[in-house]
Amino acid sequence: MTDDILFDRTGDWGVVTLNRPKALNALTRDMVNAMHAQLFEWAALNAVKAVLVKGAGDRAFCAGGDIRWLADNARTDPAGASEFFRDEYVNNALIYHYPKPYVTLIDGVVMGGGVGISVHGDFRVAGDATLFAMPETGIGLFPDVGGGHFMPRLHDGLGLYYALTGARARAADCMAAGIATHYTPSEKQADLEAALLRTPLGEHAHADIEAVLDVFAGDPGHAGVNDLRPRIARHFQGFETLDALMAALEDDPSDFAADVFKTLSRMSPTSMRITFEQMKRGHELDFDDNMKMEFRIVRRVMEGHDFFEGVRAQIIDKDRKPQWKPATLGEVDDADIAHYFDHLGEAELVLP
């Protein structure tokens, strides 16, 4: 057991608290495995009719996985470090298929692995501090934890936009995009939690929960992403190749296109190509097959260069000057990208 994640029973609810506030509740492997074991137990327990997940402190729901630990371990043992992702993806799949209502209070930073334990559930309640992003292309990774499933299914190209650029979304944007299902002001989140936990859940538990969420619903304000939707849709849907998308951005004289092109030019070229292909394939896959695809990719990313360089530049040295290899999109070989998606044989991810 670990004190980094806490479990409690209140009324008809099982409550999960991510308890690493100083680390923005980033997930460790022990936390992932403890969460999976507890969720599995609660799924079979009639007395638990719903699950609520929250983060300790007032800064973050969950900022992702423990990337620095992963980088340190994957340098010498990429196969062993990849087992973190295996455990994480199995937990993501359990959440996606969970047989009981699953509620997350995402008032704070929600990135990477934090998205994986929230966005696949039934209810995601944003607050004033909500800050969503999948910034993996900036550290030589790709938006995993089911990103290949939920992001291509966002409307108007928003998924590919968020996946490639790592753009951040506050509460209103999360609501507009469909990342969050509800909004409750931060000052009322504690009251919402208390109301949920004292609500008896009957045969129609989802409706019971929805009724409470509606009582505490607020107006998150104007969603700036809606102002950008036509331009995002123009550039982030309908292109068969990443090169065509980049060419369209480069040819567009608008400030929006110039800013996006500049942002994408800083990202790992390998991660960009992987992510574009991941989104295209993921749109056609069911959730479990997508997770198997993502494990194939991440297993090979752990054997490459850009993830370690991205972590060095963004997290360790913080010089923000990664030296990607290959350095440009034109130098990234299609055959090399195809290899990331190849079957892993006996090392394949197996889901129940």
Protein backbone atom coordinates (compact mmCIF):
# COMPACT_ATOMS: atom_id res chain seq x y z
CA MET A 1 0.00 0.00 0.00
CA THR A 2 1.02 3.62 -0.48
CA ASP A 3 -0.07 6.87 1.16
CA ASP A 4 0.21 8.55 -2.25
CA ILE A 5 -3.34 7.38 -3.00
CA LEU A 6 -6.15 7.05 -0.47
CA PHE A 7 -9.39 5.08 -0.56
CA ASP A 8 -12.52 5.62 1.48
CA ARG A 9 -16.13 4.50 1.64
CA THR A 10 -18.86 7.07 2.25
CA GLY A 11 -22.51 6.14 1.86
CA ASP A 12 -23.00 4.46 -1.50
CA TRP A 13 -19.65 5.75 -2.77
CA GLY A 14 -16.09 4.61 -3.08
CA VAL A 15 -13.78 7.64 -2.95
CA VAL A 16 -10.29 7.82 -4.45
CA THR A 17 -7.96 10.67 -3.44
CA LEU A 18 -4.72 11.21 -5.35
CA ASN A 19 -2.45 12.31 -2.51
CA ARG A 20 0.76 13.80 -3.92
CA PRO A 21 -0.15 17.51 -3.89
CA LYS A 22 3.48 18.70 -3.95
CA ALA A 23 4.00 16.66 -7.13
CA LEU A 24 0.69 17.85 -8.59
CA ASN A 25 -0.68 14.38 -7.84
CA ALA A 26 1.42 12.82 -10.59
CA LEU A 27 0.90 9.07 -10.85
CA THR A 28 3.46 6.53 -9.74
CA ARG A 29 3.28 2.88 -10.68
CA ASP A 30 2.29 1.99 -7.12
CA MET A 31 -0.58 4.47 -7.29
CA VAL A 32 -1.78 3.06 -10.60
CA ASN A 33 -1.74 -0.51 -9.34
CA ALA A 34 -3.40 0.37 -6.04
CA MET A 35 -6.13 2.26 -7.88
CA HIS A 36 -6.74 -0.60 -10.29
CA ALA A 37 -6.99 -3.15 -7.47
CA GLN A 38 -9.43 -0.98 -5.51
CA LEU A 39 -11.61 -0.16 -8.52
CA PHE A 40 -11.74 -3.83 -9.41
CA GLU A 41 -12.82 -4.72 -5.87
CA TRP A 42 -15.48 -2.00 -5.77
CA ALA A 43 -16.85 -3.08 -9.15
CA ALA A 44 -17.86 -6.40 -7.59
CA LEU A 45 -19.16 -4.92 -4.32
CA ASN A 46 -22.91 -4.29 -4.31
CA ALA A 47 -22.62 -1.74 -1.49
CA VAL A 48 -20.52 0.53 -3.71
CA LYS A 49 -22.81 2.08 -6.29
CA ALA A 50 -20.50 4.78 -7.69
CA VAL A 51 -16.92 6.02 -7.57
CA LEU A 52 -15.62 9.56 -7.05
CA VAL A 53 -12.01 10.50 -7.84
CA LYS A 54 -10.34 13.73 -6.72
CA GLY A 55 -6.91 15.22 -6.20
CA ALA A 56 -5.47 16.49 -2.91
CA GLY A 57 -4.57 20.16 -2.64
CA ASP A 58 -5.86 23.07 -4.68
CA ARG A 59 -3.47 23.03 -7.64
CA ALA A 60 -4.03 19.82 -9.53
CA PHE A 61 -6.30 16.90 -10.14
CA CYS A 62 -3.39 15.00 -11.68
CA ALA A 63 -0.60 16.44 -13.80
CA GLY A 64 0.28 13.11 -15.43
CA GLY A 65 2.66 10.27 -14.81
CA ASP A 66 6.04 10.45 -13.09
CA ILE A 67 7.90 11.27 -16.31
CA ARG A 68 11.30 11.84 -14.73
CA TRP A 69 11.18 8.42 -13.05
CA LEU A 70 10.23 6.86 -16.37
CA ALA A 71 13.09 8.53 -18.21
CA ASP A 72 15.63 7.53 -15.54
CA ASN A 73 14.55 3.89 -15.64
CA ALA A 74 13.95 3.56 -19.37
CA ARG A 75 17.54 4.58 -20.17
CA THR A 76 18.84 1.29 -18.81
CA ASP A 77 15.72 -0.87 -18.97
CA PRO A 78 13.21 0.27 -21.61
CA ALA A 79 11.23 -2.97 -21.38
CA GLY A 80 10.99 -2.72 -17.60
CA ALA A 81 10.02 0.96 -17.63
CA SER A 82 7.34 0.19 -20.20
CA GLU A 83 5.60 -1.95 -17.61
CA PHE A 84 4.44 1.30 -16.00
CA PHE A 85 2.51 2.01 -19.18
CA ARG A 86 1.17 -1.54 -19.31
CA ASP A 87 -0.27 -1.15 -15.81
CA GLU A 88 -1.55 2.34 -16.58
CA TYR A 89 -3.32 1.27 -19.77
CA VAL A 90 -4.95 -1.69 -18.05
CA ASN A 91 -6.30 0.76 -15.48
CA ASN A 92 -7.50 3.13 -18.22
CA ALA A 93 -9.39 0.25 -19.83
CA LEU A 94 -11.01 -0.69 -16.52
CA ILE A 95 -12.22 2.91 -16.13
CA TYR A 96 -13.54 3.02 -19.69
CA HIS A 97 -15.55 -0.17 -19.14
CA TYR A 98 -16.43 0.52 -15.50
CA PRO A 99 -19.86 -0.91 -14.64
CA LYS A 100 -20.77 1.84 -12.16
CA PRO A 101 -20.95 5.64 -12.39
CA TYR A 102 -17.48 7.15 -12.30
CA VAL A 103 -17.13 10.82 -11.32
CA THR A 104 -13.97 12.93 -11.38
CA LEU A 105 -13.51 16.40 -9.92
CA ILE A 106 -10.96 17.91 -12.30
CA ASP A 107 -10.63 21.36 -10.74
CA GLY A 108 -6.92 21.96 -11.29
CA VAL A 109 -4.22 20.72 -13.64
CA VAL A 110 -5.30 17.67 -15.60
CA MET A 111 -2.71 16.44 -18.06
CA GLY A 112 -1.35 13.19 -19.46
CA GLY A 113 -2.06 10.33 -17.07
CA GLY A 114 -4.56 12.55 -15.24
CA VAL A 115 -6.59 12.70 -18.42
CA GLY A 116 -6.46 8.91 -18.63
CA ILE A 117 -8.11 8.45 -15.23
CA SER A 118 -10.79 11.08 -15.85
CA VAL A 119 -11.86 11.53 -19.45
CA HIS A 120 -12.95 7.91 -19.94
CA GLY A 121 -15.37 8.08 -17.01
CA ASP A 122 -19.01 9.16 -16.99
CA PHE A 123 -18.79 12.60 -15.37
CA ARG A 124 -15.88 15.08 -15.46
CA VAL A 125 -16.56 18.18 -13.36
CA ALA A 126 -14.39 21.16 -14.24
CA GLY A 127 -13.83 24.16 -11.99
CA ASP A 128 -12.19 27.57 -12.19
CA ALA A 129 -8.70 26.09 -11.78
CA THR A 130 -9.12 23.43 -14.46
CA LEU A 131 -6.24 23.38 -16.92
CA PHE A 132 -6.27 20.55 -19.47
CA ALA A 133 -3.48 19.70 -21.88
CA MET A 134 -1.89 16.75 -23.62
CA PRO A 135 1.59 18.25 -24.16
CA GLU A 136 3.42 15.04 -25.05
CA THR A 137 4.72 16.04 -28.50
CA GLY A 138 6.87 18.62 -26.67
CA ILE A 139 8.72 15.93 -24.70
CA GLY A 140 9.13 13.33 -27.42
CA LEU A 141 6.08 11.29 -26.44
CA PHE A 142 2.56 11.15 -27.88
CA PRO A 143 -0.89 11.70 -26.28
CA ASP A 144 -1.43 8.23 -24.90
CA VAL A 145 -3.66 6.92 -22.05
CA GLY A 146 -6.46 6.56 -24.59
CA GLY A 147 -5.79 9.81 -26.43
CA GLY A 148 -5.94 7.93 -29.70
CA HIS A 149 -9.54 7.02 -28.91
CA PHE A 150 -11.13 10.14 -27.39
CA MET A 151 -9.23 12.89 -29.21
CA PRO A 152 -10.12 11.95 -32.81
CA ARG A 153 -13.75 11.85 -31.71
CA LEU A 154 -13.82 15.51 -30.64
CA HIS A 155 -15.61 17.69 -33.19
CA ASP A 156 -14.13 20.18 -35.67
CA GLY A 157 -10.58 18.85 -35.53
CA LEU A 158 -10.18 19.85 -31.89
CA GLY A 159 -8.66 16.51 -30.92
CA LEU A 160 -5.86 16.62 -33.47
CA TYR A 161 -5.31 20.31 -32.63
CA TYR A 162 -4.87 19.58 -28.92
CA ALA A 163 -2.85 16.43 -29.66
CA LEU A 164 -0.29 18.06 -31.93
CA THR A 165 0.03 21.50 -30.34
CA GLY A 166 -0.32 20.63 -26.65
CA ALA A 167 -2.62 23.66 -26.39
CA ARG A 168 -4.13 24.30 -22.97
CA ALA A 169 -7.83 24.46 -22.22
CA ARG A 170 -9.52 26.11 -19.25
CA ALA A 171 -12.94 25.10 -17.96
CA ALA A 172 -15.04 26.83 -20.61
CA ASP A 173 -12.95 25.36 -23.41
CA CYS A 174 -13.11 21.91 -21.82
CA MET A 175 -16.89 22.17 -21.74
CA ALA A 176 -17.06 23.40 -25.33
CA ALA A 177 -14.77 20.63 -26.56
CA GLY A 178 -16.52 17.85 -24.63
CA ILE A 179 -13.52 17.10 -22.42
CA ALA A 180 -15.53 18.07 -19.33
CA THR A 181 -19.18 17.14 -18.90
CA HIS A 182 -20.04 19.64 -16.14
CA TYR A 183 -18.77 22.84 -14.57
CA THR A 184 -19.04 23.84 -10.91
CA PRO A 185 -17.28 26.96 -9.57
CA SER A 186 -14.26 26.14 -7.42
CA GLU A 187 -15.84 27.69 -4.36
CA LYS A 188 -18.73 25.23 -4.61
CA GLN A 189 -16.75 22.07 -5.39
CA ALA A 190 -16.52 20.99 -1.74
CA ASP A 191 -20.27 21.44 -1.33
CA LEU A 192 -20.83 19.45 -4.52
CA GLU A 193 -18.67 16.62 -3.23
CA ALA A 194 -20.52 16.55 0.08
CA ALA A 195 -23.89 16.55 -1.69
CA LEU A 196 -22.86 13.69 -3.96
CA LEU A 197 -21.59 11.57 -1.10
CA ARG A 198 -24.77 11.95 0.93
CA THR A 199 -27.02 11.20 -2.03
CA PRO A 200 -28.56 7.73 -1.84
CA LEU A 201 -28.10 6.04 -5.19
CA GLY A 202 -30.95 3.91 -6.42
CA GLU A 203 -31.57 1.82 -9.49
CA HIS A 204 -30.97 4.85 -11.70
CA ALA A 205 -27.71 6.00 -10.15
CA HIS A 206 -26.55 7.94 -13.20
CA ALA A 207 -29.71 10.04 -13.12
CA ASP A 208 -29.37 10.56 -9.36
CA ILE A 209 -25.84 11.88 -9.86
CA GLU A 210 -26.83 14.03 -12.82
CA ALA A 211 -29.53 15.69 -10.72
CA VAL A 212 -26.97 16.71 -8.07
CA LEU A 213 -24.52 17.97 -10.68
CA ASP A 214 -27.27 20.09 -12.22
CA VAL A 215 -27.98 21.76 -8.87
CA PHE A 216 -24.35 22.87 -8.58
CA ALA A 217 -23.84 23.71 -12.26
CA GLY A 218 -22.54 27.15 -13.12
CA ASP A 219 -21.55 29.16 -16.18
CA PRO A 220 -17.86 28.74 -17.03
CA GLY A 221 -17.95 31.86 -19.18
CA HIS A 222 -16.90 32.39 -22.77
CA ALA A 223 -15.04 29.53 -24.47
CA GLY A 224 -12.30 31.11 -26.52
CA VAL A 225 -11.82 27.89 -28.45
CA ASN A 226 -15.21 28.47 -30.06
CA ASP A 227 -13.82 31.62 -31.68
CA LEU A 228 -11.07 29.47 -33.20
CA ARG A 229 -13.26 26.55 -34.27
CA PRO A 230 -13.59 27.48 -37.95
CA ARG A 231 -9.82 27.92 -38.29
CA ILE A 232 -9.05 24.77 -36.29
CA ALA A 233 -11.52 22.80 -38.41
CA ARG A 234 -9.94 24.15 -41.60
CA HIS A 235 -6.45 23.05 -40.61
CA PHE A 236 -6.93 20.01 -38.39
CA GLN A 237 -9.39 17.84 -40.23
CA GLY A 238 -9.52 16.42 -43.71
CA PHE A 239 -5.79 16.08 -44.36
CA GLU A 240 -4.44 12.66 -45.24
CA THR A 241 -0.87 13.54 -44.29
CA LEU A 242 0.88 15.70 -41.74
CA ASP A 243 2.88 17.30 -44.55
CA ALA A 244 -0.32 18.52 -46.20
CA LEU A 245 -1.53 19.96 -42.90
CA MET A 246 1.77 21.78 -42.33
CA ALA A 247 1.79 23.10 -45.90
CA ALA A 248 -1.74 24.49 -45.46
CA LEU A 249 -0.69 26.25 -42.25
CA GLU A 250 2.40 27.70 -43.93
CA ASP A 251 0.36 29.00 -46.86
CA ASP A 252 -2.25 30.64 -44.62
CA PRO A 253 -1.36 34.33 -43.96
CA SER A 254 -3.44 34.54 -40.74
CA ASP A 255 -1.86 35.10 -37.33
CA PHE A 256 -3.56 31.92 -36.10
CA ALA A 257 -1.88 29.76 -38.74
CA ALA A 258 1.49 31.42 -38.18
CA ASP A 259 1.32 30.89 -34.43
CA VAL A 260 0.29 27.25 -34.79
CA PHE A 261 2.98 26.58 -37.39
CA LYS A 262 5.59 28.10 -35.06
CA THR A 263 4.34 25.95 -32.17
CA LEU A 264 4.42 22.75 -34.20
CA SER A 265 7.90 23.56 -35.48
CA ARG A 266 9.19 23.29 -31.89
CA MET A 267 7.77 19.82 -31.30
CA SER A 268 9.55 16.52 -31.79
CA PRO A 269 9.20 15.70 -35.51
CA THR A 270 9.04 11.99 -34.69
CA SER A 271 6.33 12.56 -32.08
CA MET A 272 4.39 14.70 -34.53
CA ARG A 273 4.35 11.97 -37.16
CA ILE A 274 3.53 9.27 -34.61
CA THR A 275 0.68 11.36 -33.19
CA PHE A 276 -0.83 12.14 -36.59
CA GLU A 277 -0.83 8.44 -37.47
CA GLN A 278 -2.12 7.50 -34.00
CA MET A 279 -5.10 9.83 -34.37
CA LYS A 280 -5.90 8.56 -37.86
CA ARG A 281 -5.78 4.90 -36.84
CA GLY A 282 -7.41 5.48 -33.44
CA HIS A 283 -10.51 6.98 -35.03
CA GLU A 284 -11.24 3.57 -36.54
CA LEU A 285 -10.41 1.45 -33.49
CA ASP A 286 -12.46 0.49 -30.45
CA PHE A 287 -11.03 1.48 -27.07
CA ASP A 288 -9.21 -1.74 -26.25
CA ASP A 289 -7.59 -2.04 -29.67
CA ASN A 290 -6.50 1.57 -29.39
CA MET A 291 -4.82 0.87 -26.06
CA LYS A 292 -2.99 -2.09 -27.58
CA MET A 293 -1.81 0.20 -30.38
CA GLU A 294 -0.64 2.81 -27.90
CA PHE A 295 1.34 0.24 -25.94
CA ARG A 296 3.13 -0.82 -29.12
CA ILE A 297 4.05 2.80 -29.75
CA VAL A 298 5.21 3.63 -26.23
CA ARG A 299 7.26 0.46 -25.93
CA ARG A 300 9.30 1.61 -28.93
CA VAL A 301 9.41 5.25 -27.87
CA MET A 302 11.25 4.04 -24.75
CA GLU A 303 13.99 2.70 -27.03
CA GLY A 304 14.37 5.93 -29.02
CA HIS A 305 16.06 9.29 -28.54
CA ASP A 306 13.50 12.07 -28.43
CA PHE A 307 11.71 11.15 -25.19
CA PHE A 308 14.92 11.34 -23.19
CA GLU A 309 15.96 14.54 -24.91
CA GLY A 310 12.55 16.09 -24.34
CA VAL A 311 12.64 15.25 -20.63
CA ARG A 312 16.15 16.66 -20.39
CA ALA A 313 15.23 19.92 -22.08
CA GLN A 314 11.84 20.49 -20.45
CA ILE A 315 12.13 18.90 -17.00
CA ILE A 316 15.76 18.32 -15.98
CA ASP A 317 17.92 21.10 -17.47
CA LYS A 318 14.91 23.24 -18.39
CA ASP A 319 16.82 24.97 -21.19
CA ARG A 320 13.78 24.50 -23.46
CA LYS A 321 16.15 23.70 -26.33
CA PRO A 322 15.67 20.04 -27.25
CA GLN A 323 17.90 18.63 -29.95
CA TRP A 324 15.52 16.31 -31.74
CA LYS A 325 16.81 13.42 -33.87
CA PRO A 326 15.76 13.53 -36.65
CA ALA A 327 15.60 17.32 -36.45
CA THR A 328 12.98 17.97 -39.13
CA LEU A 329 9.77 16.37 -40.36
CA GLY A 330 11.35 15.78 -43.75
CA GLU A 331 14.05 13.63 -42.16
CA VAL A 332 11.59 11.31 -40.40
CA ASP A 333 11.33 8.13 -42.44
CA ASP A 334 7.86 6.67 -43.04
CA ALA A 335 9.17 3.14 -42.51
CA ASP A 336 10.55 4.13 -39.12
CA ILE A 337 7.15 5.50 -38.07
CA ALA A 338 5.40 2.35 -39.30
CA HIS A 339 7.67 0.31 -37.02
CA TYR A 340 6.21 2.01 -33.94
CA PHE A 341 2.85 0.42 -34.79
CA ASP A 342 4.14 -3.11 -35.41
CA HIS A 343 2.89 -6.02 -33.29
CA LEU A 344 4.98 -6.76 -30.18
CA GLY A 345 4.56 -10.52 -30.18
CA GLU A 346 4.61 -11.94 -26.65
CA ALA A 347 5.00 -8.44 -25.20
CA GLU A 348 1.59 -7.28 -26.49
CA LEU A 349 -0.76 -5.56 -24.09
CA VAL A 350 -3.43 -8.02 -22.94
CA LEU A 351 -6.72 -6.65 -21.64
CA PRO A 352 -9.42 -8.68 -19.82
